[in-house]
């Protein structure tokens, strides 16, 4: 099985690549029609949520830079 990769795009979506499924809050599976790459909306402006439709252009700013989270609490 391929590792799933999520890429946080600057000023935009989360790109999801690999072997994955997406479910709603009730566990119902979205029909992805065989896609192995798609983008998830981060800005909340998409008319096709949870998927990105490009509505964020010029309305969403976030400079995606990786960082380390603090240690998990036990």
PDB file of N, CA and C in Angstrom:
ATOM      1  N   UNK A   1       0.850  -1.182   0.000  1.00  0.00           N
ATOM      2  CA  UNK A   1       0.000   0.000   0.000  1.00  0.00           C
ATOM      3  C   UNK A   1       0.891   1.238   0.000  1.00  0.00           C
ATOM      4  N   UNK A   2       0.536   2.212  -0.821  1.00  0.00           N
ATOM      5  CA  UNK A   2       1.287   3.465  -0.883  1.00  0.00           C
ATOM      6  C   UNK A   2       0.994   4.324   0.330  1.00  0.00           C
ATOM      7  N   UNK A   3       2.002   5.024   0.772  1.00  0.00           N
ATOM      8  CA  UNK A   3       1.858   5.966   1.873  1.00  0.00           C
ATOM      9  C   UNK A   3       1.046   7.165   1.396  1.00  0.00           C
ATOM     10  N   UNK A   4       0.118   7.617   2.218  1.00  0.00           N
ATOM     11  CA  UNK A   4      -0.667   8.799   1.881  1.00  0.00           C
ATOM     12  C   UNK A   4       0.143  10.039   2.226  1.00  0.00           C
ATOM     13  N   UNK A   5       0.147  11.010   1.326  1.00  0.00           N
ATOM     14  CA  UNK A   5       0.904  12.248   1.514  1.00  0.00           C
ATOM     15  C   UNK A   5      -0.063  13.421   1.481  1.00  0.00           C
ATOM     16  N   UNK A   6       0.031  14.294   2.491  1.00  0.00           N
ATOM     17  CA  UNK A   6      -0.744  15.534   2.525  1.00  0.00           C
ATOM     18  C   UNK A   6       0.234  16.689   2.386  1.00  0.00           C
ATOM     19  N   UNK A   7      -0.027  17.575   1.433  1.00  0.00           N
ATOM     20  CA  UNK A   7       0.805  18.746   1.223  1.00  0.00           C
ATOM     21  C   UNK A   7      -0.015  19.980   1.549  1.00  0.00           C
ATOM     22  N   UNK A   8       0.468  20.792   2.505  1.00  0.00           N
ATOM     23  CA  UNK A   8      -0.209  22.030   2.879  1.00  0.00           C
ATOM     24  C   UNK A   8       0.302  23.111   1.936  1.00  0.00           C
ATOM     25  N   UNK A   9      -0.527  23.554   1.032  1.00  0.00           N
ATOM     26  CA  UNK A   9      -0.135  24.564   0.051  1.00  0.00           C
ATOM     27  C   UNK A   9      -0.229  25.964   0.642  1.00  0.00           C
ATOM     28  N   UNK A  10       0.765  26.786   0.338  1.00  0.00           N
ATOM     29  CA  UNK A  10       0.691  28.183   0.747  1.00  0.00           C
ATOM     30  C   UNK A  10      -0.505  28.830   0.062  1.00  0.00           C
ATOM     31  N   UNK A  11      -1.249  29.625   0.824  1.00  0.00           N
ATOM     32  CA  UNK A  11      -2.394  30.366   0.293  1.00  0.00           C
ATOM     33  C   UNK A  11      -3.421  29.477  -0.401  1.00  0.00           C
ATOM     34  N   UNK A  12      -3.566  28.240   0.071  1.00  0.00           N
ATOM     35  CA  UNK A  12      -4.509  27.369  -0.614  1.00  0.00           C
ATOM     36  C   UNK A  12      -4.862  26.112   0.138  1.00  0.00           C
ATOM     37  N   UNK A  13      -5.102  25.082  -0.626  1.00  0.00           N
ATOM     38  CA  UNK A  13      -5.694  23.833  -0.162  1.00  0.00           C
ATOM     39  C   UNK A  13      -4.689  22.881   0.483  1.00  0.00           C
ATOM     40  N   UNK A  14      -5.225  21.742   0.923  1.00  0.00           N
ATOM     41  CA  UNK A  14      -4.411  20.609   1.332  1.00  0.00           C
ATOM     42  C   UNK A  14      -4.511  19.584   0.203  1.00  0.00           C
ATOM     43  N   UNK A  15      -3.385  19.292  -0.423  1.00  0.00           N
ATOM     44  CA  UNK A  15      -3.345  18.298  -1.492  1.00  0.00           C
ATOM     45  C   UNK A  15      -3.153  16.924  -0.861  1.00  0.00           C
ATOM     46  N   UNK A  16      -4.014  15.968  -1.224  1.00  0.00           N
ATOM     47  CA  UNK A  16      -3.956  14.608  -0.700  1.00  0.00           C
ATOM     48  C   UNK A  16      -3.590  13.684  -1.858  1.00  0.00           C
ATOM     49  N   UNK A  17      -2.550  12.869  -1.640  1.00  0.00           N
ATOM     50  CA  UNK A  17      -2.086  11.948  -2.675  1.00  0.00           C
ATOM     51  C   UNK A  17      -1.875  10.565  -2.075  1.00  0.00           C
ATOM     52  N   UNK A  18      -2.163   9.521  -2.842  1.00  0.00           N
ATOM     53  CA  UNK A  18      -1.887   8.161  -2.397  1.00  0.00           C
ATOM     54  C   UNK A  18      -3.138   7.317  -2.311  1.00  0.00           C
ATOM     55  N   UNK A  19      -3.105   6.373  -1.381  1.00  0.00           N
ATOM     56  CA  UNK A  19      -4.217   5.454  -1.170  1.00  0.00           C
ATOM     57  C   UNK A  19      -5.000   5.947   0.045  1.00  0.00           C
ATOM     58  N   UNK A  20      -6.207   6.450  -0.172  1.00  0.00           N
ATOM     59  CA  UNK A  20      -6.997   7.025   0.915  1.00  0.00           C
ATOM     60  C   UNK A  20      -8.479   6.930   0.592  1.00  0.00           C
ATOM     61  N   UNK A  21      -9.281   7.092   1.623  1.00  0.00           N
ATOM     62  CA  UNK A  21     -10.710   7.299   1.445  1.00  0.00           C
ATOM     63  C   UNK A  21     -11.089   8.461   2.338  1.00  0.00           C
ATOM     64  N   UNK A  22     -12.149   9.143   1.974  1.00  0.00           N
ATOM     65  CA  UNK A  22     -12.641  10.277   2.745  1.00  0.00           C
ATOM     66  C   UNK A  22     -14.068   9.956   3.158  1.00  0.00           C
ATOM     67  N   UNK A  23     -14.343  10.138   4.451  1.00  0.00           N
ATOM     68  CA  UNK A  23     -15.677   9.857   4.974  1.00  0.00           C
ATOM     69  C   UNK A  23     -16.247  11.098   5.646  1.00  0.00           C
ATOM     70  N   UNK A  24     -17.583  11.181   5.700  1.00  0.00           N
ATOM     71  CA  UNK A  24     -18.233  12.291   6.397  1.00  0.00           C
ATOM     72  C   UNK A  24     -18.339  11.971   7.883  1.00  0.00           C
ATOM     73  N   UNK A  25     -18.975  12.847   8.636  1.00  0.00           N
ATOM     74  CA  UNK A  25     -19.062  12.693  10.100  1.00  0.00           C
ATOM     75  C   UNK A  25     -19.795  11.432  10.525  1.00  0.00           C
ATOM     76  N   UNK A  26     -20.604  10.876   9.628  1.00  0.00           N
ATOM     77  CA  UNK A  26     -21.353   9.660   9.937  1.00  0.00           C
ATOM     78  C   UNK A  26     -20.681   8.396   9.410  1.00  0.00           C
ATOM     79  N   UNK A  27     -19.492   8.561   8.807  1.00  0.00           N
ATOM     80  CA  UNK A  27     -18.768   7.416   8.278  1.00  0.00           C
ATOM     81  C   UNK A  27     -19.116   7.049   6.851  1.00  0.00           C
ATOM     82  N   UNK A  28     -19.966   7.850   6.192  1.00  0.00           N
ATOM     83  CA  UNK A  28     -20.318   7.600   4.793  1.00  0.00           C
ATOM     84  C   UNK A  28     -19.143   7.997   3.904  1.00  0.00           C
ATOM     85  N   UNK A  29     -18.825   7.131   2.947  1.00  0.00           N
ATOM     86  CA  UNK A  29     -17.665   7.336   2.078  1.00  0.00           C
ATOM     87  C   UNK A  29     -18.036   8.222   0.885  1.00  0.00           C
ATOM     88  N   UNK A  30     -17.199   9.245   0.621  1.00  0.00           N
ATOM     89  CA  UNK A  30     -17.356  10.063  -0.582  1.00  0.00           C
ATOM     90  C   UNK A  30     -16.933   9.232  -1.790  1.00  0.00           C
ATOM     91  N   UNK A  31     -17.678   9.319  -2.881  1.00  0.00           N
ATOM     92  CA  UNK A  31     -17.330   8.629  -4.125  1.00  0.00           C
ATOM     93  C   UNK A  31     -16.285   9.433  -4.876  1.00  0.00           C
ATOM     94  N   UNK A  32     -15.047   8.997  -4.814  1.00  0.00           N
ATOM     95  CA  UNK A  32     -13.941   9.750  -5.408  1.00  0.00           C
ATOM     96  C   UNK A  32     -13.646   9.342  -6.844  1.00  0.00           C
ATOM     97  N   UNK A  33     -14.399   8.390  -7.371  1.00  0.00           N
ATOM     98  CA  UNK A  33     -14.294   7.965  -8.770  1.00  0.00           C
ATOM     99  C   UNK A  33     -12.867   7.592  -9.167  1.00  0.00           C
ATOM    100  N   UNK A  34     -12.152   6.919  -8.266  1.00  0.00           N
ATOM    101  CA  UNK A  34     -10.815   6.420  -8.572  1.00  0.00           C
ATOM    102  C   UNK A  34      -9.686   7.425  -8.417  1.00  0.00           C
ATOM    103  N   UNK A  35      -9.991   8.624  -7.962  1.00  0.00           N
ATOM    104  CA  UNK A  35      -8.930   9.629  -7.822  1.00  0.00           C
ATOM    105  C   UNK A  35      -7.911   9.193  -6.773  1.00  0.00           C
ATOM    106  N   UNK A  36      -6.645   9.433  -7.080  1.00  0.00           N
ATOM    107  CA  UNK A  36      -5.569   9.179  -6.131  1.00  0.00           C
ATOM    108  C   UNK A  36      -4.908  10.491  -5.710  1.00  0.00           C
ATOM    109  N   UNK A  37      -5.393  11.602  -6.242  1.00  0.00           N
ATOM    110  CA  UNK A  37      -4.935  12.941  -5.878  1.00  0.00           C
ATOM    111  C   UNK A  37      -6.131  13.874  -5.918  1.00  0.00           C
ATOM    112  N   UNK A  38      -6.282  14.685  -4.869  1.00  0.00           N
ATOM    113  CA  UNK A  38      -7.302  15.729  -4.852  1.00  0.00           C
ATOM    114  C   UNK A  38      -6.924  16.765  -3.808  1.00  0.00           C
ATOM    115  N   UNK A  39      -7.666  17.852  -3.767  1.00  0.00           N
ATOM    116  CA  UNK A  39      -7.374  18.926  -2.822  1.00  0.00           C
ATOM    117  C   UNK A  39      -8.569  19.198  -1.929  1.00  0.00           C
ATOM    118  N   UNK A  40      -8.266  19.394  -0.647  1.00  0.00           N
ATOM    119  CA  UNK A  40      -9.274  19.681   0.375  1.00  0.00           C
ATOM    120  C   UNK A  40      -9.243  21.171   0.684  1.00  0.00           C
ATOM    121  N   UNK A  41     -10.412  21.788   0.778  1.00  0.00           N
ATOM    122  CA  UNK A  41     -10.546  23.216   1.068  1.00  0.00           C
ATOM    123  C   UNK A  41     -10.056  23.532   2.483  1.00  0.00           C
ATOM    124  N   UNK A  42      -9.285  24.609   2.628  1.00  0.00           N
ATOM    125  CA  UNK A  42      -8.876  25.110   3.946  1.00  0.00           C
ATOM    126  C   UNK A  42      -9.481  26.469   4.246  1.00  0.00           C
ATOM    127  N   UNK A  43      -9.941  27.181   3.220  1.00  0.00           N
ATOM    128  CA  UNK A  43     -10.389  28.562   3.405  1.00  0.00           C
ATOM    129  C   UNK A  43     -11.862  28.675   3.774  1.00  0.00           C
ATOM    130  N   UNK A  44     -12.653  27.640   3.469  1.00  0.00           N
ATOM    131  CA  UNK A  44     -14.078  27.674   3.746  1.00  0.00           C
ATOM    132  C   UNK A  44     -14.913  28.339   2.667  1.00  0.00           C
ATOM    133  N   UNK A  45     -14.293  28.766   1.568  1.00  0.00           N
ATOM    134  CA  UNK A  45     -15.020  29.476   0.513  1.00  0.00           C
ATOM    135  C   UNK A  45     -15.517  28.580  -0.625  1.00  0.00           C
ATOM    136  N   UNK A  46     -15.053  27.344  -0.694  1.00  0.00           N
ATOM    137  CA  UNK A  46     -15.412  26.451  -1.790  1.00  0.00           C
ATOM    138  C   UNK A  46     -16.908  26.160  -1.811  1.00  0.00           C
ATOM    139  N   UNK A  47     -17.482  26.138  -3.005  1.00  0.00           N
ATOM    140  CA  UNK A  47     -18.877  25.738  -3.172  1.00  0.00           C
ATOM    141  C   UNK A  47     -18.986  24.214  -3.222  1.00  0.00           C
ATOM    142  N   UNK A  48     -17.855  23.548  -3.216  1.00  0.00           N
ATOM    143  CA  UNK A  48     -17.792  22.090  -3.346  1.00  0.00           C
ATOM    144  C   UNK A  48     -17.119  21.462  -2.124  1.00  0.00           C
ATOM    145  N   UNK A  49     -17.312  22.088  -0.925  1.00  0.00           N
ATOM    146  CA  UNK A  49     -16.681  21.577   0.291  1.00  0.00           C
ATOM    147  C   UNK A  49     -17.066  20.124   0.534  1.00  0.00           C
ATOM    148  N   UNK A  50     -16.153  19.289   0.974  1.00  0.00           N
ATOM    149  CA  UNK A  50     -14.854  19.623   1.538  1.00  0.00           C
ATOM    150  C   UNK A  50     -13.751  19.761   0.502  1.00  0.00           C
ATOM    151  N   UNK A  51     -14.083  19.697  -0.770  1.00  0.00           N
ATOM    152  CA  UNK A  51     -13.087  19.744  -1.827  1.00  0.00           C
ATOM    153  C   UNK A  51     -12.836  21.175  -2.289  1.00  0.00           C
ATOM    154  N   UNK A  52     -11.608  21.436  -2.686  1.00  0.00           N
ATOM    155  CA  UNK A  52     -11.217  22.773  -3.144  1.00  0.00           C
ATOM    156  C   UNK A  52     -11.726  23.006  -4.565  1.00  0.00           C
ATOM    157  N   UNK A  53     -12.268  24.210  -4.804  1.00  0.00           N
ATOM    158  CA  UNK A  53     -12.669  24.593  -6.164  1.00  0.00           C
ATOM    159  C   UNK A  53     -11.926  25.847  -6.629  1.00  0.00           C
ATOM    160  N   UNK A  54     -10.914  26.273  -5.878  1.00  0.00           N
ATOM    161  CA  UNK A  54     -10.110  27.432  -6.261  1.00  0.00           C
ATOM    162  C   UNK A  54     -10.659  28.762  -5.782  1.00  0.00           C
ATOM    163  N   UNK A  55     -11.742  28.752  -5.013  1.00  0.00           N
ATOM    164  CA  UNK A  55     -12.354  30.005  -4.538  1.00  0.00           C
ATOM    165  C   UNK A  55     -11.440  30.816  -3.631  1.00  0.00           C
ATOM    166  N   UNK A  56     -10.408  30.189  -3.075  1.00  0.00           N
ATOM    167  CA  UNK A  56      -9.509  30.862  -2.143  1.00  0.00           C
ATOM    168  C   UNK A  56      -8.637  31.926  -2.811  1.00  0.00           C
ATOM    169  N   UNK A  57      -8.508  31.888  -4.098  1.00  0.00           N
ATOM    170  CA  UNK A  57      -7.596  32.809  -4.786  1.00  0.00           C
ATOM    171  C   UNK A  57      -7.867  34.252  -4.372  1.00  0.00           C
ATOM    172  N   UNK A  58      -6.801  34.886  -3.870  1.00  0.00           N
ATOM    173  CA  UNK A  58      -6.821  36.291  -3.416  1.00  0.00           C
ATOM    174  C   UNK A  58      -7.695  36.523  -2.184  1.00  0.00           C
ATOM    175  N   UNK A  59      -8.111  35.451  -1.492  1.00  0.00           N
ATOM    176  CA  UNK A  59      -8.948  35.602  -0.302  1.00  0.00           C
ATOM    177  C   UNK A  59      -8.424  34.836   0.905  1.00  0.00           C
ATOM    178  N   UNK A  60      -7.284  34.174   0.772  1.00  0.00           N
ATOM    179  CA  UNK A  60      -6.791  33.313   1.839  1.00  0.00           C
ATOM    180  C   UNK A  60      -5.275  33.384   1.854  1.00  0.00           C
ATOM    181  N   UNK A  61      -4.707  33.741   2.994  1.00  0.00           N
ATOM    182  CA  UNK A  61      -3.263  33.839   3.098  1.00  0.00           C
ATOM    183  C   UNK A  61      -2.748  32.968   4.225  1.00  0.00           C
ATOM    184  N   UNK A  62      -1.827  32.104   3.885  1.00  0.00           N
ATOM    185  CA  UNK A  62      -1.128  31.292   4.876  1.00  0.00           C
ATOM    186  C   UNK A  62       0.157  30.806   4.226  1.00  0.00           C
ATOM    187  N   UNK A  63       1.294  31.182   4.804  1.00  0.00           N
ATOM    188  CA  UNK A  63       2.586  30.763   4.293  1.00  0.00           C
ATOM    189  C   UNK A  63       2.913  29.409   4.907  1.00  0.00           C
ATOM    190  N   UNK A  64       2.725  28.347   4.166  1.00  0.00           N
ATOM    191  CA  UNK A  64       2.912  26.990   4.675  1.00  0.00           C
ATOM    192  C   UNK A  64       4.393  26.692   4.874  1.00  0.00           C
ATOM    193  N   UNK A  65       4.799  26.600   6.108  1.00  0.00           N
ATOM    194  CA  UNK A  65       6.177  26.265   6.490  1.00  0.00           C
ATOM    195  C   UNK A  65       6.104  25.174   7.549  1.00  0.00           C
ATOM    196  N   UNK A  66       6.823  24.091   7.351  1.00  0.00           N
ATOM    197  CA  UNK A  66       6.815  22.976   8.302  1.00  0.00           C
ATOM    198  C   UNK A  66       7.477  23.385   9.619  1.00  0.00           C
ATOM    199  N   UNK A  67       6.979  22.821  10.710  1.00  0.00           N
ATOM    200  CA  UNK A  67       7.560  23.049  12.036  1.00  0.00           C
ATOM    201  C   UNK A  67       7.279  21.828  12.894  1.00  0.00           C
ATOM    202  N   UNK A  68       7.971  21.718  14.003  1.00  0.00           N
ATOM    203  CA  UNK A  68       7.778  20.593  14.916  1.00  0.00           C
ATOM    204  C   UNK A  68       6.725  20.948  15.957  1.00  0.00           C
ATOM    205  N   UNK A  69       5.783  20.051  16.163  1.00  0.00           N
ATOM    206  CA  UNK A  69       4.800  20.218  17.234  1.00  0.00           C
ATOM    207  C   UNK A  69       5.482  19.956  18.570  1.00  0.00           C
ATOM    208  N   UNK A  70       4.946  20.515  19.657  1.00  0.00           N
ATOM    209  CA  UNK A  70       5.504  20.175  20.968  1.00  0.00           C
ATOM    210  C   UNK A  70       5.240  18.706  21.278  1.00  0.00           C
ATOM    211  N   UNK A  71       6.007  18.122  22.207  1.00  0.00           N
ATOM    212  CA  UNK A  71       5.792  16.717  22.554  1.00  0.00           C
ATOM    213  C   UNK A  71       4.341  16.485  23.003  1.00  0.00           C
ATOM    214  N   UNK A  72       3.854  15.272  22.737  1.00  0.00           N
ATOM    215  CA  UNK A  72       2.501  14.905  23.167  1.00  0.00           C
ATOM    216  C   UNK A  72       2.462  14.819  24.685  1.00  0.00           C
ATOM    217  N   UNK A  73       1.342  15.219  25.248  1.00  0.00           N
ATOM    218  CA  UNK A  73       1.155  15.106  26.698  1.00  0.00           C
ATOM    219  C   UNK A  73       0.764  13.685  27.026  1.00  0.00           C
ATOM    220  N   UNK A  74       1.264  13.188  28.153  1.00  0.00           N
ATOM    221  CA  UNK A  74       0.935  11.802  28.504  1.00  0.00           C
ATOM    222  C   UNK A  74      -0.229  11.708  29.469  1.00  0.00           C
TER     223      UNK A  74
END
